[in-house]
Amino acid sequence: MSAAPRRLLVVDPCEHCRQFLPFLVEAGWSVSSQSLDQALAASYDIGLLRLRIDHLEQPEGVKHLISRSGTEWIALIDPYTEAHSGLDEFIGEWFFDALALPVDLPRLQGLLGRAFGIARLRGIGTRRGDQHELLGQSRPARELRKQLARLGPSEKPVLICGESGCGKELVAHTLHRMSRRVAEPFVSFNCGVLPEPETASLLFGHQGKLASANGGTLFLDAISELPLGQQERLLACLRTRTLRHADGVGLPLDVRVLASTREELGELVEQGRFDPGLRLWLEQNRLCITPLRKRQGDIALLASYFADLYSLEAGRRPSHFSEEALSAMSRHRWPGNVRELASRVRRGYALAESGQIEADDLGLQSSPADGAPLGTLEDYKRRAEYQALCDALAHYSSNLSHAAKVLGVSRPTFYRLLHKHQLL
């Protein structure tokens, strides 16, 4: 993700707030201050709000501002507000995190940086339309974006591996957009749809996919299903950089090939079902997409994105997920990955009678999945710890400090456990 200006809006600042604002400007923030009534018209990336007693007693203005903003907010709490009985619940529902006044400036800067990162991740789907599969804050999601940034500008082929529904074609589109060929054609061809004669004609003909992609990118979906004879012909075209038609006419070929597979090509080579030379050619770069069930920290984030998207399409207010629905999503195995998640959320949004989407609306059982086989006491402890973290992420993915508090651990301990179980 490219760098963006960091615009900070401070709402209803106190005198202490005004004293530390110059330090935030020195740290690279563009800071503006507004009253709560004026803030709706402001333009910013992150919001900082001094939370007063009257905000808690009449919260509609704060809720309206935050729900309309589409970004992250941090609350600043003075000693008088800290004693209010409903403070924790209000912060947990509406804010990314909170700090007590007077603030510790380094801590505030770190919190603003994390909130800005989450806000940008949440904004990917809005800014790029179809890139929701790349949305996420989990370690696999961040690693995927790093690999895309490295491989995008390359001219070499890339083999994209992953399960059905995990976004392999989206990754191919992204690689094309990040390359010097972005202004040239992106042509997609599913290798397993047609019989061999039709496949040969569509791929190698005068108006075929290779010719159409010349100068640009050719994405070969399900490359493992390409007939063996056509695999050899494809490799010859790529090696000689020439497309030979049946009538002997040759076309100079300048095309970058991206391919996807759900199967291991090495195993297919051993079975005699895949050309070893083409496998070596394609695997010059290999990119593997982690299945959604191993990205627990991203499930609630993606589900919320889809719910917001479908509410915009329908012109209705956004729906929220019940606790049972969030727990059911965290326990589901997601065999269809992000595609299945999008489909279930669309169904849930259509069926939900209130503003809340329930597990039944998603077609998921609210009870836990079948238990794991018996193991040692340590195995049970590890599974219980992992499930507790998954449940906390499902409920509080936008407020990790509150998630740590709910689990009864410190924030450093919570981050250490997330890294231990590779959830962050």
Protein backbone atom coordinates (compact mmCIF):
# COMPACT_ATOMS: atom_id res chain seq x y z
CA MET A 1 0.00 0.00 0.00
CA SER A 2 1.37 3.34 -0.96
CA ALA A 3 1.98 6.10 1.56
CA ALA A 4 -0.87 8.51 2.27
CA PRO A 5 -1.10 11.80 4.16
CA ARG A 6 -2.08 11.28 7.78
CA ARG A 7 -4.91 13.66 8.64
CA LEU A 8 -6.00 13.82 12.28
CA LEU A 9 -9.24 15.42 13.45
CA VAL A 10 -9.43 16.37 17.13
CA VAL A 11 -12.99 16.88 18.38
CA ASP A 12 -13.76 19.12 21.37
CA PRO A 13 -10.11 19.41 22.51
CA CYS A 14 -9.29 20.54 26.05
CA GLU A 15 -6.39 22.80 27.01
CA HIS A 16 -4.09 19.82 27.60
CA CYS A 17 -5.00 18.46 24.15
CA ARG A 18 -3.99 21.75 22.52
CA GLN A 19 -0.61 21.53 24.24
CA PHE A 20 0.37 18.19 22.69
CA LEU A 21 -1.02 18.87 19.19
CA PRO A 22 2.19 20.65 18.00
CA PHE A 23 4.16 17.49 18.85
CA LEU A 24 1.82 15.43 16.65
CA VAL A 25 2.35 17.92 13.83
CA GLU A 26 6.13 17.45 14.23
CA ALA A 27 5.54 13.67 14.05
CA GLY A 28 3.95 14.05 10.61
CA TRP A 29 0.26 14.45 11.33
CA SER A 30 -1.87 17.11 9.66
CA VAL A 31 -4.03 18.21 12.61
CA SER A 32 -7.33 20.09 12.63
CA SER A 33 -9.71 20.81 15.51
CA GLN A 34 -13.50 20.98 15.39
CA SER A 35 -16.48 20.94 17.70
CA LEU A 36 -18.70 17.87 17.59
CA ASP A 37 -21.32 19.77 15.57
CA GLN A 38 -18.76 20.85 12.96
CA ALA A 39 -16.94 17.52 12.67
CA LEU A 40 -19.30 15.90 10.16
CA ALA A 41 -18.08 18.27 7.45
CA ALA A 42 -14.37 17.68 8.15
CA SER A 43 -11.95 15.58 6.08
CA TYR A 44 -9.58 13.28 8.01
CA ASP A 45 -8.10 9.77 8.35
CA ILE A 46 -8.22 9.28 12.13
CA GLY A 47 -10.42 10.85 14.80
CA LEU A 48 -9.44 11.84 18.32
CA LEU A 49 -12.32 12.79 20.62
CA ARG A 50 -12.20 14.16 24.15
CA LEU A 51 -15.03 12.18 25.70
CA ARG A 52 -17.09 14.26 28.13
CA ILE A 53 -19.86 13.31 30.55
CA ASP A 54 -22.48 14.93 28.31
CA HIS A 55 -21.30 12.72 25.41
CA LEU A 56 -22.11 9.65 27.53
CA GLU A 57 -25.44 10.98 28.77
CA GLN A 58 -26.51 12.04 25.27
CA PRO A 59 -24.44 9.76 22.99
CA GLU A 60 -26.39 10.19 19.74
CA GLY A 61 -24.08 12.91 18.38
CA VAL A 62 -20.93 10.83 18.97
CA LYS A 63 -22.53 7.69 17.53
CA HIS A 64 -23.71 9.58 14.45
CA LEU A 65 -20.25 11.04 13.83
CA ILE A 66 -18.40 7.74 14.23
CA SER A 67 -20.89 5.66 12.21
CA ARG A 68 -20.72 8.18 9.34
CA SER A 69 -16.94 8.56 9.35
CA GLY A 70 -15.88 5.09 8.16
CA THR A 71 -12.59 5.30 10.07
CA GLU A 72 -11.09 4.67 13.52
CA TRP A 73 -11.59 6.82 16.61
CA ILE A 74 -9.63 7.13 19.84
CA ALA A 75 -11.22 8.51 23.01
CA LEU A 76 -9.41 10.77 25.49
CA ILE A 77 -10.80 10.36 28.99
CA ASP A 78 -10.56 12.95 31.76
CA PRO A 79 -10.81 11.93 35.46
CA TYR A 80 -14.44 13.09 35.74
CA THR A 81 -15.58 10.99 32.79
CA GLU A 82 -13.57 7.97 33.99
CA ALA A 83 -15.99 7.40 36.87
CA HIS A 84 -19.07 7.07 34.61
CA SER A 85 -20.68 3.61 34.90
CA GLY A 86 -21.27 3.06 31.17
CA LEU A 87 -17.85 4.20 29.98
CA ASP A 88 -16.25 0.81 29.25
CA GLU A 89 -19.22 -0.47 27.24
CA PHE A 90 -19.46 2.75 25.23
CA ILE A 91 -15.74 2.74 24.37
CA GLY A 92 -15.78 -0.96 23.52
CA GLU A 93 -18.65 -0.50 21.08
CA TRP A 94 -17.65 2.75 19.37
CA PHE A 95 -13.89 3.40 19.71
CA PHE A 96 -10.69 1.78 18.49
CA ASP A 97 -9.12 2.46 21.90
CA ALA A 98 -8.93 5.04 24.68
CA LEU A 99 -6.33 6.89 26.76
CA ALA A 100 -6.67 8.73 30.04
CA LEU A 101 -5.79 12.42 30.26
CA PRO A 102 -3.15 13.71 30.63
CA VAL A 103 -1.87 11.40 27.91
CA ASP A 104 1.51 9.76 27.59
CA LEU A 105 2.62 11.22 24.24
CA PRO A 106 4.72 8.25 22.95
CA ARG A 107 1.86 5.92 23.81
CA LEU A 108 -0.60 8.16 21.96
CA GLN A 109 1.63 8.27 18.90
CA GLY A 110 1.89 4.48 18.85
CA LEU A 111 -1.86 4.13 19.21
CA LEU A 112 -2.49 6.62 16.41
CA GLY A 113 -0.11 4.68 14.16
CA ARG A 114 -1.93 1.40 14.79
CA ALA A 115 -5.33 3.00 14.29
CA PHE A 116 -4.14 4.55 11.02
CA GLY A 117 -2.94 1.14 9.82
CA ILE A 118 -6.29 -0.48 10.61
CA ALA A 119 -8.16 2.40 8.95
CA ARG A 120 -6.15 1.94 5.76
CA LEU A 121 -6.77 -1.81 5.79
CA ARG A 122 -10.48 -1.20 6.21
CA GLY A 123 -10.34 1.25 3.31
CA ILE A 124 -8.85 -1.14 0.76
CA GLY A 125 -12.22 -2.54 -0.25
CA THR A 126 -13.72 0.93 -0.59
CA ARG A 127 -10.86 2.35 -2.63
CA ARG A 128 -10.25 -0.60 -4.92
CA GLY A 129 -13.66 -2.15 -5.26
CA ASP A 130 -12.92 -5.84 -5.82
CA GLN A 131 -9.87 -6.27 -3.61
CA HIS A 132 -11.72 -7.37 -0.48
CA GLU A 133 -9.88 -10.71 -0.40
CA LEU A 134 -6.68 -8.75 0.27
CA LEU A 135 -8.27 -7.00 3.24
CA GLY A 136 -6.96 -8.09 6.62
CA GLN A 137 -4.59 -7.48 9.48
CA SER A 138 -3.52 -11.11 10.09
CA ARG A 139 0.06 -12.20 9.49
CA PRO A 140 -0.86 -14.17 6.29
CA ALA A 141 -2.75 -11.16 4.86
CA ARG A 142 0.15 -8.81 5.53
CA GLU A 143 2.63 -11.32 4.08
CA LEU A 144 0.51 -11.70 0.93
CA ARG A 145 0.57 -7.95 0.34
CA LYS A 146 4.36 -7.94 0.78
CA GLN A 147 4.73 -10.71 -1.81
CA LEU A 148 2.47 -8.87 -4.23
CA ALA A 149 4.55 -5.72 -3.85
CA ARG A 150 7.70 -7.76 -4.61
CA LEU A 151 6.35 -9.84 -7.51
CA GLY A 152 4.08 -7.27 -9.16
CA PRO A 153 6.80 -5.32 -11.02
CA SER A 154 8.57 -8.53 -12.12
CA GLU A 155 8.24 -9.88 -15.67
CA LYS A 156 8.61 -13.51 -14.57
CA PRO A 157 5.69 -15.97 -14.37
CA VAL A 158 3.97 -16.58 -11.05
CA LEU A 159 2.19 -19.75 -9.94
CA ILE A 160 -0.66 -18.83 -7.57
CA CYS A 161 -1.62 -21.70 -5.26
CA GLY A 162 -4.69 -21.87 -3.06
CA GLU A 163 -8.02 -23.45 -2.33
CA SER A 164 -11.24 -22.71 -4.17
CA GLY A 165 -12.69 -19.31 -3.35
CA CYS A 166 -9.56 -17.81 -1.81
CA GLY A 167 -9.12 -15.12 -4.49
CA LYS A 168 -6.51 -16.48 -6.93
CA GLU A 169 -7.85 -14.51 -9.90
CA LEU A 170 -8.00 -11.37 -7.77
CA VAL A 171 -4.32 -11.85 -6.91
CA ALA A 172 -3.54 -12.24 -10.61
CA HIS A 173 -5.42 -8.99 -11.38
CA THR A 174 -3.44 -7.26 -8.63
CA LEU A 175 -0.12 -8.50 -10.00
CA HIS A 176 -1.11 -7.14 -13.42
CA ARG A 177 -2.10 -3.75 -11.98
CA MET A 178 1.26 -3.50 -10.21
CA SER A 179 3.27 -4.30 -13.36
CA ARG A 180 4.50 -2.17 -16.25
CA ARG A 181 1.81 -3.94 -18.34
CA VAL A 182 -1.04 -2.29 -16.45
CA ALA A 183 -2.20 -0.35 -19.54
CA GLU A 184 -2.13 -3.53 -21.68
CA PRO A 185 -4.70 -6.37 -21.81
CA PHE A 186 -5.38 -8.73 -18.90
CA VAL A 187 -6.78 -11.93 -20.39
CA SER A 188 -8.15 -14.79 -18.29
CA PHE A 189 -8.67 -18.39 -19.45
CA ASN A 190 -10.00 -21.35 -17.47
CA CYS A 191 -8.06 -24.40 -18.61
CA GLY A 192 -10.54 -27.00 -17.31
CA VAL A 193 -13.84 -25.91 -18.85
CA LEU A 194 -13.72 -27.14 -22.48
CA PRO A 195 -12.68 -30.35 -24.29
CA GLU A 196 -9.14 -30.42 -25.72
CA PRO A 197 -9.93 -29.35 -29.36
CA GLU A 198 -11.86 -26.28 -28.19
CA THR A 199 -9.18 -25.53 -25.61
CA ALA A 200 -6.46 -25.60 -28.27
CA SER A 201 -8.42 -23.32 -30.57
CA LEU A 202 -9.30 -20.81 -27.85
CA LEU A 203 -5.79 -20.70 -26.43
CA PHE A 204 -3.60 -20.85 -29.56
CA GLY A 205 -5.86 -19.63 -32.41
CA HIS A 206 -5.44 -16.43 -34.46
CA GLN A 207 -7.93 -14.68 -32.17
CA GLY A 208 -7.11 -16.88 -29.19
CA LYS A 209 -6.19 -15.97 -25.64
CA LEU A 210 -2.42 -15.88 -26.19
CA ALA A 211 -2.76 -13.56 -29.16
CA SER A 212 -5.26 -11.35 -27.31
CA ALA A 213 -2.93 -11.07 -24.29
CA ASN A 214 0.11 -10.11 -26.39
CA GLY A 215 1.86 -7.17 -24.72
CA GLY A 216 -0.09 -7.78 -21.51
CA THR A 217 -0.81 -10.56 -19.03
CA LEU A 218 -2.38 -14.00 -19.55
CA PHE A 219 -3.93 -15.63 -16.49
CA LEU A 220 -4.34 -19.41 -16.85
CA ASP A 221 -6.81 -20.51 -14.20
CA ALA A 222 -6.74 -24.19 -13.16
CA ILE A 223 -3.51 -24.80 -15.11
CA SER A 224 -3.36 -28.35 -13.72
CA GLU A 225 -6.39 -29.24 -15.89
CA LEU A 226 -4.79 -28.15 -19.18
CA PRO A 227 -4.48 -31.24 -21.43
CA LEU A 228 -0.94 -32.63 -21.49
CA GLY A 229 -0.45 -32.06 -25.22
CA GLN A 230 -1.43 -28.41 -24.87
CA GLN A 231 0.96 -28.03 -21.93
CA GLU A 232 3.89 -28.96 -24.20
CA ARG A 233 2.68 -26.54 -26.88
CA LEU A 234 2.31 -23.74 -24.34
CA LEU A 235 5.85 -24.30 -23.05
CA ALA A 236 7.21 -24.14 -26.59
CA CYS A 237 5.46 -20.80 -27.15
CA LEU A 238 6.84 -19.37 -23.91
CA ARG A 239 10.39 -20.56 -24.53
CA THR A 240 10.58 -19.33 -28.12
CA ARG A 241 8.44 -16.25 -27.47
CA THR A 242 6.58 -17.13 -30.66
CA LEU A 243 3.01 -18.30 -31.22
CA ARG A 244 2.93 -20.81 -34.10
CA HIS A 245 -0.47 -21.26 -35.73
CA ALA A 246 -1.57 -24.40 -37.53
CA ASP A 247 -1.04 -22.67 -40.91
CA GLY A 248 2.62 -22.06 -40.08
CA VAL A 249 2.25 -18.33 -39.43
CA GLY A 250 4.29 -17.17 -36.44
CA LEU A 251 3.40 -14.29 -34.12
CA PRO A 252 6.14 -12.72 -31.93
CA LEU A 253 4.94 -13.14 -28.37
CA ASP A 254 5.45 -10.73 -25.48
CA VAL A 255 3.23 -11.93 -22.65
CA ARG A 256 3.58 -12.45 -18.94
CA VAL A 257 1.95 -15.69 -17.79
CA LEU A 258 0.28 -16.05 -14.40
CA ALA A 259 -1.28 -19.40 -13.51
CA SER A 260 -3.30 -20.83 -10.65
CA THR A 261 -3.76 -24.30 -9.22
CA ARG A 262 -5.49 -26.07 -6.37
CA GLU A 263 -3.27 -29.13 -6.81
CA GLU A 264 0.45 -29.67 -6.26
CA LEU A 265 2.08 -29.69 -9.69
CA GLY A 266 4.98 -31.78 -8.37
CA GLU A 267 2.60 -34.63 -7.55
CA LEU A 268 0.97 -34.35 -10.99
CA VAL A 269 4.41 -34.57 -12.64
CA GLU A 270 5.11 -37.79 -10.73
CA GLN A 271 1.77 -39.16 -11.92
CA GLY A 272 2.60 -38.28 -15.53
CA ARG A 273 -0.25 -35.74 -15.69
CA PHE A 274 1.80 -32.56 -15.96
CA ASP A 275 4.76 -31.53 -18.08
CA PRO A 276 7.90 -31.18 -15.88
CA GLY A 277 9.33 -28.42 -18.06
CA LEU A 278 6.18 -26.31 -17.80
CA ARG A 279 6.13 -26.85 -14.05
CA LEU A 280 9.69 -25.49 -13.74
CA TRP A 281 8.80 -22.54 -15.97
CA LEU A 282 5.72 -21.61 -13.93
CA GLU A 283 7.32 -22.12 -10.53
CA GLN A 284 10.01 -19.49 -11.03
CA ASN A 285 7.87 -17.61 -8.52
CA ARG A 286 5.32 -19.28 -6.30
CA LEU A 287 2.68 -17.45 -4.29
CA CYS A 288 0.45 -19.36 -1.85
CA ILE A 289 -2.79 -17.91 -0.47
CA THR A 290 -3.62 -18.91 3.10
CA PRO A 291 -7.14 -20.35 3.54
CA LEU A 292 -9.61 -18.22 5.49
CA ARG A 293 -9.88 -20.72 8.38
CA LYS A 294 -6.23 -19.98 9.16
CA ARG A 295 -6.83 -16.21 9.13
CA GLN A 296 -9.14 -16.02 12.14
CA GLY A 297 -8.23 -12.42 12.83
CA ASP A 298 -9.65 -11.36 9.44
CA ILE A 299 -13.04 -13.12 9.47
CA ALA A 300 -14.99 -10.49 11.41
CA LEU A 301 -13.28 -7.69 9.47
CA LEU A 302 -14.25 -9.21 6.11
CA ALA A 303 -17.78 -10.04 7.27
CA SER A 304 -18.32 -6.44 8.37
CA TYR A 305 -16.97 -5.20 5.05
CA PHE A 306 -19.47 -7.35 3.12
CA ALA A 307 -22.36 -6.35 5.39
CA ASP A 308 -21.56 -2.67 4.81
CA LEU A 309 -21.20 -3.28 1.06
CA TYR A 310 -24.59 -5.00 0.77
CA SER A 311 -26.25 -2.28 2.84
CA LEU A 312 -24.96 0.31 0.35
CA GLU A 313 -26.25 -1.78 -2.56
CA ALA A 314 -29.68 -2.11 -0.95
CA GLY A 315 -29.86 1.48 0.27
CA ARG A 316 -30.56 0.27 3.80
CA ARG A 317 -28.84 0.88 7.11
CA PRO A 318 -25.89 -1.44 7.90
CA SER A 319 -26.57 -4.64 9.81
CA HIS A 320 -24.51 -5.95 12.70
CA PHE A 321 -23.68 -9.50 13.74
CA SER A 322 -24.94 -11.04 16.97
CA GLU A 323 -22.48 -12.62 19.38
CA GLU A 324 -23.68 -16.09 18.34
CA ALA A 325 -23.14 -15.23 14.68
CA LEU A 326 -19.59 -14.01 15.33
CA SER A 327 -18.80 -17.14 17.36
CA ALA A 328 -20.29 -19.38 14.66
CA MET A 329 -18.17 -17.67 11.99
CA SER A 330 -15.01 -18.11 14.07
CA ARG A 331 -15.71 -21.85 14.42
CA HIS A 332 -16.75 -22.55 10.83
CA ARG A 333 -14.11 -24.20 8.63
CA TRP A 334 -14.86 -22.06 5.52
CA PRO A 335 -14.23 -24.66 2.79
CA GLY A 336 -15.26 -22.05 0.21
CA ASN A 337 -13.04 -19.38 1.76
CA VAL A 338 -13.77 -15.68 1.13
CA ARG A 339 -16.22 -16.47 -1.65
CA GLU A 340 -18.29 -18.53 0.79
CA LEU A 341 -18.09 -15.81 3.44
CA ALA A 342 -19.38 -13.20 0.99
CA SER A 343 -22.23 -15.50 -0.05
CA ARG A 344 -23.25 -16.28 3.54
CA VAL A 345 -23.18 -12.63 4.59
CA ARG A 346 -25.31 -11.68 1.56
CA ARG A 347 -27.80 -14.39 2.54
CA GLY A 348 -27.70 -13.27 6.18
CA TYR A 349 -28.27 -9.64 5.25
CA ALA A 350 -31.28 -10.60 3.13
CA LEU A 351 -32.82 -12.83 5.81
CA ALA A 352 -32.15 -10.71 8.91
CA GLU A 353 -35.46 -9.32 10.11
CA SER A 354 -33.86 -6.80 12.45
CA GLY A 355 -30.62 -4.85 12.22
CA GLN A 356 -28.81 -7.88 13.64
CA ILE A 357 -27.61 -10.87 11.62
CA GLU A 358 -27.92 -14.16 13.50
CA ALA A 359 -26.04 -17.43 13.01
CA ASP A 360 -29.15 -19.04 11.50
CA ASP A 361 -29.38 -16.23 8.93
CA LEU A 362 -25.86 -17.16 7.80
CA GLY A 363 -26.78 -20.85 7.58
CA LEU A 364 -24.34 -21.65 10.39
CA GLN A 365 -24.89 -23.59 13.59
CA SER A 366 -24.56 -21.50 16.74
CA SER A 367 -23.16 -24.47 18.67
CA PRO A 368 -19.43 -25.28 18.47
CA ALA A 369 -18.15 -27.57 15.76
CA ASP A 370 -17.38 -31.24 16.45
CA GLY A 371 -14.73 -31.68 19.10
CA ALA A 372 -11.15 -32.52 18.30
CA PRO A 373 -9.87 -36.04 19.05
CA LEU A 374 -8.66 -36.78 22.55
CA GLY A 375 -5.19 -35.57 23.41
CA THR A 376 -3.00 -34.63 26.32
CA LEU A 377 -3.97 -32.01 28.88
CA GLU A 378 -1.55 -29.62 27.16
CA ASP A 379 -3.36 -30.23 23.86
CA TYR A 380 -6.66 -29.26 25.47
CA LYS A 381 -5.12 -26.15 27.02
CA ARG A 382 -3.63 -25.09 23.69
CA ARG A 383 -6.95 -25.61 21.85
CA ALA A 384 -8.86 -23.72 24.52
CA GLU A 385 -6.37 -20.83 24.37
CA TYR A 386 -6.59 -20.72 20.58
CA GLN A 387 -10.42 -20.75 20.62
CA ALA A 388 -10.55 -18.00 23.26
CA LEU A 389 -8.32 -15.82 21.09
CA CYS A 390 -10.44 -16.53 18.01
CA ASP A 391 -13.64 -15.62 19.85
CA ALA A 392 -12.09 -12.41 21.15
CA LEU A 393 -10.92 -11.44 17.65
CA ALA A 394 -14.36 -12.22 16.20
CA HIS A 395 -16.04 -9.90 18.68
CA TYR A 396 -13.45 -7.15 19.05
CA SER A 397 -11.26 -7.20 15.91
CA SER A 398 -11.33 -3.39 15.77
CA ASN A 399 -10.41 -2.92 19.45
CA LEU A 400 -7.64 -5.27 20.53
CA SER A 401 -7.17 -3.49 23.84
CA HIS A 402 -10.78 -4.26 24.77
CA ALA A 403 -10.32 -7.86 23.57
CA ALA A 404 -7.36 -8.23 25.94
CA LYS A 405 -9.41 -6.76 28.78
CA VAL A 406 -12.28 -9.18 28.16
CA LEU A 407 -9.85 -12.12 28.29
CA GLY A 408 -8.35 -10.78 31.50
CA VAL A 409 -4.81 -10.37 30.20
CA SER A 410 -2.57 -7.39 29.60
CA ARG A 411 -2.25 -5.99 26.09
CA PRO A 412 1.41 -7.17 25.72
CA THR A 413 0.35 -10.68 26.80
CA PHE A 414 -2.54 -10.62 24.34
CA TYR A 415 -0.23 -9.64 21.46
CA ARG A 416 2.26 -12.34 22.51
CA LEU A 417 -0.51 -14.99 22.44
CA LEU A 418 -1.72 -13.78 19.02
CA HIS A 419 1.79 -14.18 17.62
CA LYS A 420 2.21 -17.55 19.34
CA HIS A 421 -0.89 -18.90 17.57
CA GLN A 422 -0.08 -16.98 14.32
CA LEU A 423 -3.32 -15.01 14.47
CA LEU A 424 -1.66 -11.62 13.98
